[in-house]
Amino acid sequence: YLYLVLLLSFCSLTLAAQEKVQLPEIAKELKQMRDEDQKLRNK
């Protein structure tokens, strides 16, 4: 029961964080683009 409560709380926090920005998918894509940029440049 405790695990279920924690899981639901985590999901709620995640959804709340996503709701704070209007374009969460674009935000995710920008991070992926940045990670690729830095990986190649560092190498």
Full PDB file with SEQRES, HELIX, SHEET, SSBOND, CRYST1, ORIGX, SCALE, CONECT and MASTER records, all heavy atoms in Angstrom:
SEQRES   1 A   43  TYR LEU TYR LEU VAL LEU LEU LEU SER PHE CYS SER LEU          
SEQRES   2 A   43  THR LEU ALA ALA GLN GLU LYS VAL GLN LEU PRO GLU ILE          
SEQRES   3 A   43  ALA LYS GLU LEU LYS GLN MET ARG ASP GLU ASP GLN LYS          
SEQRES   4 A   43  LEU ARG ASN LYS                                              
HELIX    1 AA1 LEU A    2  GLU A   19  1                                  18    
HELIX    2 AA2 PRO A   24  ASN A   42  1                                  19    
CRYST1    1.000    1.000    1.000  90.00  90.00  90.00 P 1           1          
ORIGX1      1.000000  0.000000  0.000000        0.00000                         
ORIGX2      0.000000  1.000000  0.000000        0.00000                         
ORIGX3      0.000000  0.000000  1.000000        0.00000                         
SCALE1      1.000000  0.000000  0.000000        0.00000                         
SCALE2      0.000000  1.000000  0.000000        0.00000                         
SCALE3      0.000000  0.000000  1.000000        0.00000                         
ATOM      1  N   TYR A   1       0.837  -1.201   0.000  1.00  0.00           N  
ATOM      2  CA  TYR A   1       0.000   0.000   0.000  1.00  0.00           C  
ATOM      3  C   TYR A   1       0.876   1.256   0.000  1.00  0.00           C  
ATOM      4  O   TYR A   1       0.616   2.222  -0.731  1.00  0.00           O  
ATOM      5  CB  TYR A   1      -0.905  -0.014   1.231  1.00  0.00           C  
ATOM      6  CG  TYR A   1      -1.754   1.233   1.369  1.00  0.00           C  
ATOM      7  CD1 TYR A   1      -2.872   1.424   0.553  1.00  0.00           C  
ATOM      8  CD2 TYR A   1      -1.423   2.213   2.289  1.00  0.00           C  
ATOM      9  CE1 TYR A   1      -3.638   2.568   0.663  1.00  0.00           C  
ATOM     10  CE2 TYR A   1      -2.179   3.361   2.398  1.00  0.00           C  
ATOM     11  CZ  TYR A   1      -3.299   3.539   1.582  1.00  0.00           C  
ATOM     12  OH  TYR A   1      -4.049   4.665   1.695  1.00  0.00           O  
ATOM     13  N   LEU A   2       1.947   1.213   0.831  1.00  0.00           N  
ATOM     14  CA  LEU A   2       2.844   2.356   0.910  1.00  0.00           C  
ATOM     15  C   LEU A   2       3.527   2.594  -0.437  1.00  0.00           C  
ATOM     16  O   LEU A   2       3.686   3.740  -0.885  1.00  0.00           O  
ATOM     17  CB  LEU A   2       3.891   2.113   2.004  1.00  0.00           C  
ATOM     18  CG  LEU A   2       4.948   3.224   2.204  1.00  0.00           C  
ATOM     19  CD1 LEU A   2       4.270   4.541   2.586  1.00  0.00           C  
ATOM     20  CD2 LEU A   2       5.953   2.813   3.287  1.00  0.00           C  
ATOM     21  N   TYR A   3       3.939   1.504  -1.080  1.00  0.00           N  
ATOM     22  CA  TYR A   3       4.590   1.614  -2.385  1.00  0.00           C  
ATOM     23  C   TYR A   3       3.642   2.247  -3.405  1.00  0.00           C  
ATOM     24  O   TYR A   3       4.048   3.111  -4.193  1.00  0.00           O  
ATOM     25  CB  TYR A   3       5.007   0.220  -2.858  1.00  0.00           C  
ATOM     26  CG  TYR A   3       5.533   0.206  -4.277  1.00  0.00           C  
ATOM     27  CD1 TYR A   3       6.821   0.649  -4.577  1.00  0.00           C  
ATOM     28  CD2 TYR A   3       4.710  -0.231  -5.325  1.00  0.00           C  
ATOM     29  CE1 TYR A   3       7.288   0.648  -5.883  1.00  0.00           C  
ATOM     30  CE2 TYR A   3       5.163  -0.228  -6.631  1.00  0.00           C  
ATOM     31  CZ  TYR A   3       6.457   0.209  -6.906  1.00  0.00           C  
ATOM     32  OH  TYR A   3       6.921   0.194  -8.188  1.00  0.00           O  
ATOM     33  N   LEU A   4       2.356   1.838  -3.350  1.00  0.00           N  
ATOM     34  CA  LEU A   4       1.368   2.371  -4.286  1.00  0.00           C  
ATOM     35  C   LEU A   4       1.165   3.864  -4.060  1.00  0.00           C  
ATOM     36  O   LEU A   4       1.076   4.642  -5.011  1.00  0.00           O  
ATOM     37  CB  LEU A   4       0.041   1.625  -4.112  1.00  0.00           C  
ATOM     38  CG  LEU A   4      -1.105   2.092  -5.028  1.00  0.00           C  
ATOM     39  CD1 LEU A   4      -0.717   1.905  -6.490  1.00  0.00           C  
ATOM     40  CD2 LEU A   4      -2.388   1.305  -4.715  1.00  0.00           C  
ATOM     41  N   VAL A   5       1.121   4.282  -2.791  1.00  0.00           N  
ATOM     42  CA  VAL A   5       0.951   5.701  -2.457  1.00  0.00           C  
ATOM     43  C   VAL A   5       2.130   6.509  -2.984  1.00  0.00           C  
ATOM     44  O   VAL A   5       1.966   7.572  -3.585  1.00  0.00           O  
ATOM     45  CB  VAL A   5       0.805   5.889  -0.931  1.00  0.00           C  
ATOM     46  CG1 VAL A   5       0.889   7.374  -0.564  1.00  0.00           C  
ATOM     47  CG2 VAL A   5      -0.512   5.302  -0.452  1.00  0.00           C  
ATOM     48  N   LEU A   6       3.357   5.981  -2.759  1.00  0.00           N  
ATOM     49  CA  LEU A   6       4.557   6.681  -3.231  1.00  0.00           C  
ATOM     50  C   LEU A   6       4.587   6.771  -4.750  1.00  0.00           C  
ATOM     51  O   LEU A   6       4.978   7.799  -5.314  1.00  0.00           O  
ATOM     52  CB  LEU A   6       5.817   5.969  -2.719  1.00  0.00           C  
ATOM     53  CG  LEU A   6       6.074   6.069  -1.209  1.00  0.00           C  
ATOM     54  CD1 LEU A   6       7.245   5.168  -0.813  1.00  0.00           C  
ATOM     55  CD2 LEU A   6       6.359   7.513  -0.807  1.00  0.00           C  
ATOM     56  N   LEU A   7       4.177   5.678  -5.407  1.00  0.00           N  
ATOM     57  CA  LEU A   7       4.169   5.665  -6.866  1.00  0.00           C  
ATOM     58  C   LEU A   7       3.186   6.692  -7.411  1.00  0.00           C  
ATOM     59  O   LEU A   7       3.504   7.437  -8.340  1.00  0.00           O  
ATOM     60  CB  LEU A   7       3.799   4.261  -7.363  1.00  0.00           C  
ATOM     61  CG  LEU A   7       3.741   4.091  -8.893  1.00  0.00           C  
ATOM     62  CD1 LEU A   7       5.112   4.380  -9.499  1.00  0.00           C  
ATOM     63  CD2 LEU A   7       3.274   2.684  -9.254  1.00  0.00           C  
ATOM     64  N   LEU A   8       1.993   6.730  -6.805  1.00  0.00           N  
ATOM     65  CA  LEU A   8       0.992   7.704  -7.253  1.00  0.00           C  
ATOM     66  C   LEU A   8       1.459   9.135  -6.998  1.00  0.00           C  
ATOM     67  O   LEU A   8       1.230  10.032  -7.816  1.00  0.00           O  
ATOM     68  CB  LEU A   8      -0.338   7.445  -6.525  1.00  0.00           C  
ATOM     69  CG  LEU A   8      -1.079   6.167  -6.937  1.00  0.00           C  
ATOM     70  CD1 LEU A   8      -2.274   5.928  -6.020  1.00  0.00           C  
ATOM     71  CD2 LEU A   8      -1.545   6.266  -8.396  1.00  0.00           C  
ATOM     72  N   SER A   9       2.139   9.328  -5.871  1.00  0.00           N  
ATOM     73  CA  SER A   9       2.649  10.672  -5.555  1.00  0.00           C  
ATOM     74  C   SER A   9       3.695  11.090  -6.573  1.00  0.00           C  
ATOM     75  O   SER A   9       3.718  12.240  -7.036  1.00  0.00           O  
ATOM     76  CB  SER A   9       3.262  10.687  -4.146  1.00  0.00           C  
ATOM     77  OG  SER A   9       2.281  10.391  -3.186  1.00  0.00           O  
ATOM     78  N   PHE A  10       4.575  10.132  -6.920  1.00  0.00           N  
ATOM     79  CA  PHE A  10       5.622  10.431  -7.905  1.00  0.00           C  
ATOM     80  C   PHE A  10       5.004  10.767  -9.255  1.00  0.00           C  
ATOM     81  O   PHE A  10       5.423  11.732  -9.920  1.00  0.00           O  
ATOM     82  CB  PHE A  10       6.559   9.224  -8.041  1.00  0.00           C  
ATOM     83  CG  PHE A  10       7.592   9.382  -9.125  1.00  0.00           C  
ATOM     84  CD1 PHE A  10       8.719  10.178  -8.922  1.00  0.00           C  
ATOM     85  CD2 PHE A  10       7.426   8.745 -10.363  1.00  0.00           C  
ATOM     86  CE1 PHE A  10       9.660  10.335  -9.929  1.00  0.00           C  
ATOM     87  CE2 PHE A  10       8.361   8.903 -11.357  1.00  0.00           C  
ATOM     88  CZ  PHE A  10       9.482   9.694 -11.146  1.00  0.00           C  
ATOM     89  N   CYS A  11       4.029   9.992  -9.662  1.00  0.00           N  
ATOM     90  CA  CYS A  11       3.355  10.244 -10.941  1.00  0.00           C  
ATOM     91  C   CYS A  11       2.685  11.611 -10.950  1.00  0.00           C  
ATOM     92  O   CYS A  11       2.716  12.328 -11.944  1.00  0.00           O  
ATOM     93  CB  CYS A  11       2.327   9.152 -11.219  1.00  0.00           C  
ATOM     94  SG  CYS A  11       3.070   7.544 -11.584  1.00  0.00           S  
ATOM     95  N   SER A  12       2.081  11.958  -9.806  1.00  0.00           N  
ATOM     96  CA  SER A  12       1.413  13.254  -9.710  1.00  0.00           C  
ATOM     97  C   SER A  12       2.411  14.396  -9.835  1.00  0.00           C  
ATOM     98  O   SER A  12       2.162  15.390 -10.511  1.00  0.00           O  
ATOM     99  CB  SER A  12       0.678  13.371  -8.372  1.00  0.00           C  
ATOM    100  OG  SER A  12      -0.329  12.392  -8.283  1.00  0.00           O  
ATOM    101  N   LEU A  13       3.587  14.223  -9.171  1.00  0.00           N  
ATOM    102  CA  LEU A  13       4.620  15.248  -9.254  1.00  0.00           C  
ATOM    103  C   LEU A  13       5.156  15.371 -10.666  1.00  0.00           C  
ATOM    104  O   LEU A  13       5.427  16.464 -11.158  1.00  0.00           O  
ATOM    105  CB  LEU A  13       5.767  14.919  -8.289  1.00  0.00           C  
ATOM    106  CG  LEU A  13       5.461  15.093  -6.796  1.00  0.00           C  
ATOM    107  CD1 LEU A  13       6.601  14.522  -5.949  1.00  0.00           C  
ATOM    108  CD2 LEU A  13       5.233  16.560  -6.462  1.00  0.00           C  
ATOM    109  N   THR A  14       5.334  14.230 -11.340  1.00  0.00           N  
ATOM    110  CA  THR A  14       5.837  14.239 -12.714  1.00  0.00           C  
ATOM    111  C   THR A  14       4.866  14.958 -13.635  1.00  0.00           C  
ATOM    112  O   THR A  14       5.255  15.783 -14.467  1.00  0.00           O  
ATOM    113  CB  THR A  14       6.060  12.798 -13.214  1.00  0.00           C  
ATOM    114  OG1 THR A  14       6.990  12.149 -12.352  1.00  0.00           O  
ATOM    115  CG2 THR A  14       6.609  12.806 -14.644  1.00  0.00           C  
ATOM    116  N   LEU A  15       3.576  14.626 -13.494  1.00  0.00           N  
ATOM    117  CA  LEU A  15       2.560  15.280 -14.321  1.00  0.00           C  
ATOM    118  C   LEU A  15       2.492  16.772 -14.036  1.00  0.00           C  
ATOM    119  O   LEU A  15       2.344  17.592 -14.948  1.00  0.00           O  
ATOM    120  CB  LEU A  15       1.194  14.636 -14.063  1.00  0.00           C  
ATOM    121  CG  LEU A  15       1.016  13.224 -14.615  1.00  0.00           C  
ATOM    122  CD1 LEU A  15      -0.290  12.623 -14.100  1.00  0.00           C  
ATOM    123  CD2 LEU A  15       1.032  13.228 -16.146  1.00  0.00           C  
ATOM    124  N   ALA A  16       2.638  17.114 -12.760  1.00  0.00           N  
ATOM    125  CA  ALA A  16       2.597  18.534 -12.392  1.00  0.00           C  
ATOM    126  C   ALA A  16       3.765  19.279 -13.011  1.00  0.00           C  
ATOM    127  O   ALA A  16       3.621  20.406 -13.490  1.00  0.00           O  
ATOM    128  CB  ALA A  16       2.636  18.675 -10.871  1.00  0.00           C  
ATOM    129  N   ALA A  17       4.948  18.614 -13.003  1.00  0.00           N  
ATOM    130  CA  ALA A  17       6.130  19.246 -13.598  1.00  0.00           C  
ATOM    131  C   ALA A  17       5.932  19.459 -15.089  1.00  0.00           C  
ATOM    132  O   ALA A  17       6.325  20.482 -15.656  1.00  0.00           O  
ATOM    133  CB  ALA A  17       7.365  18.380 -13.342  1.00  0.00           C  
ATOM    134  N   GLN A  18       5.327  18.456 -15.746  1.00  0.00           N  
ATOM    135  CA  GLN A  18       5.083  18.570 -17.170  1.00  0.00           C  
ATOM    136  C   GLN A  18       4.079  19.671 -17.482  1.00  0.00           C  
ATOM    137  O   GLN A  18       4.181  20.363 -18.491  1.00  0.00           O  
ATOM    138  CB  GLN A  18       4.589  17.233 -17.719  1.00  0.00           C  
ATOM    139  CG  GLN A  18       5.674  16.157 -17.749  1.00  0.00           C  
ATOM    140  CD  GLN A  18       5.147  14.832 -18.250  1.00  0.00           C  
ATOM    141  OE1 GLN A  18       3.932  14.610 -18.291  1.00  0.00           O  
ATOM    142  NE2 GLN A  18       6.039  13.943 -18.634  1.00  0.00           N  
ATOM    143  N   GLU A  19       3.107  19.831 -16.571  1.00  0.00           N  
ATOM    144  CA  GLU A  19       2.080  20.844 -16.798  1.00  0.00           C  
ATOM    145  C   GLU A  19       2.629  22.262 -16.635  1.00  0.00           C  
ATOM    146  O   GLU A  19       2.038  23.226 -17.105  1.00  0.00           O  
ATOM    147  CB  GLU A  19       0.917  20.620 -15.814  1.00  0.00           C  
ATOM    148  CG  GLU A  19       0.086  19.389 -16.179  1.00  0.00           C  
ATOM    149  CD  GLU A  19      -0.946  19.076 -15.109  1.00  0.00           C  
ATOM    150  OE1 GLU A  19      -0.971  19.823 -14.106  1.00  0.00           O  
ATOM    151  OE2 GLU A  19      -1.702  18.123 -15.269  1.00  0.00           O  
ATOM    152  N   LYS A  20       3.787  22.384 -15.976  1.00  0.00           N  
ATOM    153  CA  LYS A  20       4.377  23.699 -15.773  1.00  0.00           C  
ATOM    154  C   LYS A  20       4.892  24.299 -17.070  1.00  0.00           C  
ATOM    155  O   LYS A  20       5.065  25.500 -17.158  1.00  0.00           O  
ATOM    156  CB  LYS A  20       5.502  23.614 -14.741  1.00  0.00           C  
ATOM    157  CG  LYS A  20       5.019  23.384 -13.316  1.00  0.00           C  
ATOM    158  CD  LYS A  20       6.193  23.336 -12.367  1.00  0.00           C  
ATOM    159  CE  LYS A  20       5.717  23.081 -10.942  1.00  0.00           C  
ATOM    160  NZ  LYS A  20       6.870  23.008  -9.997  1.00  0.00           N  
ATOM    161  N   VAL A  21       5.201  23.455 -18.033  1.00  0.00           N  
ATOM    162  CA  VAL A  21       5.644  23.963 -19.326  1.00  0.00           C  
ATOM    163  C   VAL A  21       4.582  23.626 -20.368  1.00  0.00           C  
ATOM    164  O   VAL A  21       3.885  22.610 -20.271  1.00  0.00           O  
ATOM    165  CB  VAL A  21       7.013  23.372 -19.737  1.00  0.00           C  
ATOM    166  CG1 VAL A  21       8.076  23.741 -18.721  1.00  0.00           C  
ATOM    167  CG2 VAL A  21       6.947  21.871 -19.931  1.00  0.00           C  
ATOM    168  N   GLN A  22       4.493  24.479 -21.367  1.00  0.00           N  
ATOM    169  CA  GLN A  22       3.451  24.305 -22.379  1.00  0.00           C  
ATOM    170  C   GLN A  22       3.820  23.278 -23.453  1.00  0.00           C  
ATOM    171  O   GLN A  22       2.934  22.701 -24.092  1.00  0.00           O  
ATOM    172  CB  GLN A  22       3.156  25.659 -23.033  1.00  0.00           C  
ATOM    173  CG  GLN A  22       2.637  26.700 -22.059  1.00  0.00           C  
ATOM    174  CD  GLN A  22       2.535  28.069 -22.691  1.00  0.00           C  
ATOM    175  OE1 GLN A  22       2.291  28.196 -23.888  1.00  0.00           O  
ATOM    176  NE2 GLN A  22       2.717  29.108 -21.891  1.00  0.00           N  
ATOM    177  N   LEU A  23       5.129  23.065 -23.645  1.00  0.00           N  
ATOM    178  CA  LEU A  23       5.574  22.167 -24.714  1.00  0.00           C  
ATOM    179  C   LEU A  23       6.558  21.122 -24.171  1.00  0.00           C  
ATOM    180  O   LEU A  23       7.747  21.134 -24.483  1.00  0.00           O  
ATOM    181  CB  LEU A  23       6.244  22.974 -25.834  1.00  0.00           C  
ATOM    182  CG  LEU A  23       5.397  24.069 -26.491  1.00  0.00           C  
ATOM    183  CD1 LEU A  23       6.258  24.908 -27.428  1.00  0.00           C  
ATOM    184  CD2 LEU A  23       4.229  23.451 -27.249  1.00  0.00           C  
ATOM    185  N   PRO A  24       6.067  20.199 -23.350  1.00  0.00           N  
ATOM    186  CA  PRO A  24       6.971  19.212 -22.727  1.00  0.00           C  
ATOM    187  C   PRO A  24       7.697  18.330 -23.735  1.00  0.00           C  
ATOM    188  O   PRO A  24       8.852  17.955 -23.519  1.00  0.00           O  
ATOM    189  CB  PRO A  24       6.037  18.383 -21.839  1.00  0.00           C  
ATOM    190  CG  PRO A  24       4.669  18.611 -22.399  1.00  0.00           C  
ATOM    191  CD  PRO A  24       4.667  20.002 -22.922  1.00  0.00           C  
ATOM    192  N   GLU A  25       7.054  17.999 -24.856  1.00  0.00           N  
ATOM    193  CA  GLU A  25       7.708  17.151 -25.853  1.00  0.00           C  
ATOM    194  C   GLU A  25       8.845  17.898 -26.554  1.00  0.00           C  
ATOM    195  O   GLU A  25       9.894  17.327 -26.843  1.00  0.00           O  
ATOM    196  CB  GLU A  25       6.687  16.654 -26.886  1.00  0.00           C  
ATOM    197  CG  GLU A  25       5.684  15.666 -26.319  1.00  0.00           C  
ATOM    198  CD  GLU A  25       6.371  14.457 -25.683  1.00  0.00           C  
ATOM    199  OE1 GLU A  25       7.310  13.916 -26.319  1.00  0.00           O  
ATOM    200  OE2 GLU A  25       5.988  14.078 -24.569  1.00  0.00           O  
ATOM    201  N   ILE A  26       8.629  19.182 -26.808  1.00  0.00           N  
ATOM    202  CA  ILE A  26       9.684  20.005 -27.396  1.00  0.00           C  
ATOM    203  C   ILE A  26      10.843  20.141 -26.406  1.00  0.00           C  
ATOM    204  O   ILE A  26      12.014  20.092 -26.782  1.00  0.00           O  
ATOM    205  CB  ILE A  26       9.161  21.404 -27.789  1.00  0.00           C  
ATOM    206  CG1 ILE A  26       8.087  21.289 -28.884  1.00  0.00           C  
ATOM    207  CG2 ILE A  26      10.306  22.292 -28.251  1.00  0.00           C  
ATOM    208  CD1 ILE A  26       8.598  20.736 -30.194  1.00  0.00           C  
ATOM    209  N   ALA A  27      10.507  20.298 -25.129  1.00  0.00           N  
ATOM    210  CA  ALA A  27      11.532  20.390 -24.086  1.00  0.00           C  
ATOM    211  C   ALA A  27      12.403  19.133 -24.079  1.00  0.00           C  
ATOM    212  O   ALA A  27      13.638  19.206 -24.000  1.00  0.00           O  
ATOM    213  CB  ALA A  27      10.881  20.586 -22.718  1.00  0.00           C  
ATOM    214  N   LYS A  28      11.752  17.991 -24.195  1.00  0.00           N  
ATOM    215  CA  LYS A  28      12.481  16.724 -24.223  1.00  0.00           C  
ATOM    216  C   LYS A  28      13.357  16.627 -25.465  1.00  0.00           C  
ATOM    217  O   LYS A  28      14.521  16.183 -25.409  1.00  0.00           O  
ATOM    218  CB  LYS A  28      11.470  15.564 -24.195  1.00  0.00           C  
ATOM    219  CG  LYS A  28      12.101  14.188 -24.176  1.00  0.00           C  
ATOM    220  CD  LYS A  28      11.032  13.107 -24.121  1.00  0.00           C  
ATOM    221  CE  LYS A  28      11.653  11.718 -24.140  1.00  0.00           C  
ATOM    222  NZ  LYS A  28      10.587  10.663 -24.111  1.00  0.00           N  
ATOM    223  N   GLU A  29      12.838  17.053 -26.584  1.00  0.00           N  
ATOM    224  CA  GLU A  29      13.584  17.006 -27.838  1.00  0.00           C  
ATOM    225  C   GLU A  29      14.819  17.926 -27.783  1.00  0.00           C  
ATOM    226  O   GLU A  29      15.899  17.560 -28.264  1.00  0.00           O  
ATOM    227  CB  GLU A  29      12.677  17.416 -28.998  1.00  0.00           C  
ATOM    228  CG  GLU A  29      13.304  17.227 -30.364  1.00  0.00           C  
ATOM    229  CD  GLU A  29      12.351  17.573 -31.490  1.00  0.00           C  
ATOM    230  OE1 GLU A  29      11.195  17.965 -31.207  1.00  0.00           O  
ATOM    231  OE2 GLU A  29      12.773  17.467 -32.662  1.00  0.00           O  
ATOM    232  N   LEU A  30      14.658  19.098 -27.195  1.00  0.00           N  
ATOM    233  CA  LEU A  30      15.779  20.025 -27.085  1.00  0.00           C  
ATOM    234  C   LEU A  30      16.898  19.438 -26.229  1.00  0.00           C  
ATOM    235  O   LEU A  30      18.083  19.639 -26.520  1.00  0.00           O  
ATOM    236  CB  LEU A  30      15.310  21.354 -26.491  1.00  0.00           C  
ATOM    237  CG  LEU A  30      14.460  22.225 -27.416  1.00  0.00           C  
ATOM    238  CD1 LEU A  30      13.843  23.391 -26.641  1.00  0.00           C  
ATOM    239  CD2 LEU A  30      15.288  22.752 -28.588  1.00  0.00           C  
ATOM    240  N   LYS A  31      16.527  18.714 -25.196  1.00  0.00           N  
ATOM    241  CA  LYS A  31      17.547  18.058 -24.362  1.00  0.00           C  
ATOM    242  C   LYS A  31      18.289  17.003 -25.166  1.00  0.00           C  
ATOM    243  O   LYS A  31      19.519  16.878 -25.077  1.00  0.00           O  
ATOM    244  CB  LYS A  31      16.912  17.424 -23.127  1.00  0.00           C  
ATOM    245  CG  LYS A  31      17.950  16.768 -22.203  1.00  0.00           C  
ATOM    246  CD  LYS A  31      17.313  16.118 -21.004  1.00  0.00           C  
ATOM    247  CE  LYS A  31      18.378  15.536 -20.073  1.00  0.00           C  
ATOM    248  NZ  LYS A  31      19.286  14.579 -20.736  1.00  0.00           N  
ATOM    249  N   GLN A  32      17.566  16.228 -25.954  1.00  0.00           N  
ATOM    250  CA  GLN A  32      18.200  15.195 -26.776  1.00  0.00           C  
ATOM    251  C   GLN A  32      19.166  15.821 -27.789  1.00  0.00           C  
ATOM    252  O   GLN A  32      20.268  15.306 -28.009  1.00  0.00           O  
ATOM    253  CB  GLN A  32      17.130  14.371 -27.493  1.00  0.00           C  
ATOM    254  CG  GLN A  32      16.289  13.516 -26.559  1.00  0.00           C  
ATOM    255  CD  GLN A  32      15.086  12.888 -27.251  1.00  0.00           C  
ATOM    256  OE1 GLN A  32      14.663  13.345 -28.319  1.00  0.00           O  
ATOM    257  NE2 GLN A  32      14.524  11.863 -26.635  1.00  0.00           N  
ATOM    258  N   MET A  33      18.753  16.932 -28.385  1.00  0.00           N  
ATOM    259  CA  MET A  33      19.604  17.624 -29.347  1.00  0.00           C  
ATOM    260  C   MET A  33      20.867  18.147 -28.673  1.00  0.00           C  
ATOM    261  O   MET A  33      21.971  18.030 -29.196  1.00  0.00           O  
ATOM    262  CB  MET A  33      18.825  18.774 -29.989  1.00  0.00           C  
ATOM    263  CG  MET A  33      17.684  18.303 -30.882  1.00  0.00           C  
ATOM    264  SD  MET A  33      16.425  19.575 -31.182  1.00  0.00           S  
ATOM    265  CE  MET A  33      17.316  20.735 -32.204  1.00  0.00           C  
ATOM    266  N   ARG A  34      20.688  18.701 -27.477  1.00  0.00           N  
ATOM    267  CA  ARG A  34      21.841  19.229 -26.739  1.00  0.00           C  
ATOM    268  C   ARG A  34      22.783  18.100 -26.349  1.00  0.00           C  
ATOM    269  O   ARG A  34      24.010  18.238 -26.439  1.00  0.00           O  
ATOM    270  CB  ARG A  34      21.328  19.966 -25.505  1.00  0.00           C  
ATOM    271  CG  ARG A  34      22.432  20.561 -24.631  1.00  0.00           C  
ATOM    272  CD  ARG A  34      22.749  19.687 -23.450  1.00  0.00           C  
ATOM    273  NE  ARG A  34      23.733  20.306 -22.587  1.00  0.00           N  
ATOM    274  CZ  ARG A  34      24.444  19.643 -21.693  1.00  0.00           C  
ATOM    275  NH1 ARG A  34      24.277  18.328 -21.540  1.00  0.00           N  
ATOM    276  NH2 ARG A  34      25.332  20.266 -20.929  1.00  0.00           N  
ATOM    277  N   ASP A  35      22.256  16.972 -25.884  1.00  0.00           N  
ATOM    278  CA  ASP A  35      23.095  15.849 -25.467  1.00  0.00           C  
ATOM    279  C   ASP A  35      23.936  15.333 -26.633  1.00  0.00           C  
ATOM    280  O   ASP A  35      25.126  15.021 -26.459  1.00  0.00           O  
ATOM    281  CB  ASP A  35      22.232  14.717 -24.909  1.00  0.00           C  
ATOM    282  CG  ASP A  35      21.627  15.063 -23.550  1.00  0.00           C  
ATOM    283  OD1 ASP A  35      22.057  16.075 -22.957  1.00  0.00           O  
ATOM    284  OD2 ASP A  35      20.725  14.335 -23.107  1.00  0.00           O  
ATOM    285  N   GLU A  36      23.339  15.239 -27.814  1.00  0.00           N  
ATOM    286  CA  GLU A  36      24.075  14.782 -28.995  1.00  0.00           C  
ATOM    287  C   GLU A  36      25.164  15.788 -29.359  1.00  0.00           C  
ATOM    288  O   GLU A  36      26.299  15.410 -29.687  1.00  0.00           O  
ATOM    289  CB  GLU A  36      23.106  14.595 -30.172  1.00  0.00           C  
ATOM    290  CG  GLU A  36      23.758  14.142 -31.467  1.00  0.00           C  
ATOM    291  CD  GLU A  36      24.256  12.706 -31.420  1.00  0.00           C  
ATOM    292  OE1 GLU A  36      24.036  12.024 -30.397  1.00  0.00           O  
ATOM    293  OE2 GLU A  36      24.879  12.269 -32.398  1.00  0.00           O  
ATOM    294  N   ASP A  37      24.825  17.055 -29.296  1.00  0.00           N  
ATOM    295  CA  ASP A  37      25.786  18.124 -29.575  1.00  0.00           C  
ATOM    296  C   ASP A  37      27.009  17.988 -28.664  1.00  0.00           C  
ATOM    297  O   ASP A  37      28.158  18.002 -29.137  1.00  0.00           O  
ATOM    298  CB  ASP A  37      25.098  19.478 -29.361  1.00  0.00           C  
ATOM    299  CG  ASP A  37      26.044  20.667 -29.448  1.00  0.00           C  
ATOM    300  OD1 ASP A  37      26.935  20.818 -28.581  1.00  0.00           O  
ATOM    301  OD2 ASP A  37      25.880  21.464 -30.379  1.00  0.00           O  
ATOM    302  N   GLN A  38      26.777  17.866 -27.371  1.00  0.00           N  
ATOM    303  CA  GLN A  38      27.875  17.820 -26.420  1.00  0.00           C  
ATOM    304  C   GLN A  38      28.685  16.533 -26.514  1.00  0.00           C  
ATOM    305  O   GLN A  38      29.912  16.545 -26.367  1.00  0.00           O  
ATOM    306  CB  GLN A  38      27.332  17.997 -24.998  1.00  0.00           C  
ATOM    307  CG  GLN A  38      26.794  19.396 -24.728  1.00  0.00           C  
ATOM    308  CD  GLN A  38      27.860  20.457 -24.872  1.00  0.00           C  
ATOM    309  OE1 GLN A  38      28.700  20.628 -23.995  1.00  0.00           O  
ATOM    310  NE2 GLN A  38      27.838  21.195 -25.992  1.00  0.00           N  
ATOM    311  N   LYS A  39      28.025  15.432 -26.771  1.00  0.00           N  
ATOM    312  CA  LYS A  39      28.723  14.156 -26.896  1.00  0.00           C  
ATOM    313  C   LYS A  39      29.731  14.207 -28.038  1.00  0.00           C  
ATOM    314  O   LYS A  39      30.903  13.827 -27.876  1.00  0.00           O  
ATOM    315  CB  LYS A  39      27.716  13.021 -27.129  1.00  0.00           C  
ATOM    316  CG  LYS A  39      28.369  11.650 -27.249  1.00  0.00           C  
ATOM    317  CD  LYS A  39      27.330  10.563 -27.485  1.00  0.00           C  
ATOM    318  CE  LYS A  39      26.767  10.636 -28.894  1.00  0.00           C  
ATOM    319  NZ  LYS A  39      25.860   9.494 -29.196  1.00  0.00           N  
ATOM    320  N   LEU A  40      29.299  14.688 -29.192  1.00  0.00           N  
ATOM    321  CA  LEU A  40      30.174  14.748 -30.355  1.00  0.00           C  
ATOM    322  C   LEU A  40      31.282  15.773 -30.162  1.00  0.00           C  
ATOM    323  O   LEU A  40      32.440  15.522 -30.516  1.00  0.00           O  
ATOM    324  CB  LEU A  40      29.359  15.074 -31.612  1.00  0.00           C  
ATOM    325  CG  LEU A  40      28.379  13.990 -32.060  1.00  0.00           C  
ATOM    326  CD1 LEU A  40      27.482  14.497 -33.175  1.00  0.00           C  
ATOM    327  CD2 LEU A  40      29.140  12.747 -32.521  1.00  0.00           C  
ATOM    328  N   ARG A  41      30.947  16.936 -29.607  1.00  0.00           N  
ATOM    329  CA  ARG A  41      31.963  17.975 -29.399  1.00  0.00           C  
ATOM    330  C   ARG A  41      33.019  17.538 -28.391  1.00  0.00           C  
ATOM    331  O   ARG A  41      34.215  17.788 -28.584  1.00  0.00           O  
ATOM    332  CB  ARG A  41      31.307  19.274 -28.933  1.00  0.00           C  
ATOM    333  CG  ARG A  41      30.940  20.166 -30.095  1.00  0.00           C  
ATOM    334  CD  ARG A  41      30.292  21.467 -29.668  1.00  0.00           C  
ATOM    335  NE  ARG A  41      30.236  22.377 -30.795  1.00  0.00           N  
ATOM    336  CZ  ARG A  41      29.407  22.239 -31.829  1.00  0.00           C  
ATOM    337  NH1 ARG A  41      28.558  21.227 -31.858  1.00  0.00           N  
ATOM    338  NH2 ARG A  41      29.445  23.096 -32.835  1.00  0.00           N  
ATOM    339  N   ASN A  42      32.610  16.921 -27.321  1.00  0.00           N  
ATOM    340  CA  ASN A  42      33.568  16.465 -26.318  1.00  0.00           C  
ATOM    341  C   ASN A  42      34.518  15.418 -26.889  1.00  0.00           C  
ATOM    342  O   ASN A  42      35.717  15.429 -26.599  1.00  0.00           O  
ATOM    343  CB  ASN A  42      32.832  15.904 -25.095  1.00  0.00           C  
ATOM    344  CG  ASN A  42      32.129  16.992 -24.298  1.00  0.00           C  
ATOM    345  OD1 ASN A  42      32.479  18.168 -24.392  1.00  0.00           O  
ATOM    346  ND2 ASN A  42      31.138  16.606 -23.516  1.00  0.00           N  
ATOM    347  N   LYS A  43      33.990  14.513 -27.704  1.00  0.00           N  
ATOM    348  CA  LYS A  43      34.835  13.512 -28.354  1.00  0.00           C  
ATOM    349  C   LYS A  43      35.814  14.176 -29.316  1.00  0.00           C  
ATOM    350  O   LYS A  43      36.988  13.812 -29.394  1.00  0.00           O  
ATOM    351  CB  LYS A  43      33.969  12.504 -29.120  1.00  0.00           C  
ATOM    352  CG  LYS A  43      33.249  11.490 -28.243  1.00  0.00           C  
ATOM    353  CD  LYS A  43      32.482  10.498 -29.106  1.00  0.00           C  
ATOM    354  CE  LYS A  43      31.755   9.463 -28.262  1.00  0.00           C  
ATOM    355  NZ  LYS A  43      30.991   8.511 -29.106  1.00  0.00           N  
TER     356      LYS A  43                                                      
MASTER        0    0    0    2    0    0    0    6  355    1    0    4          
END                                                                             
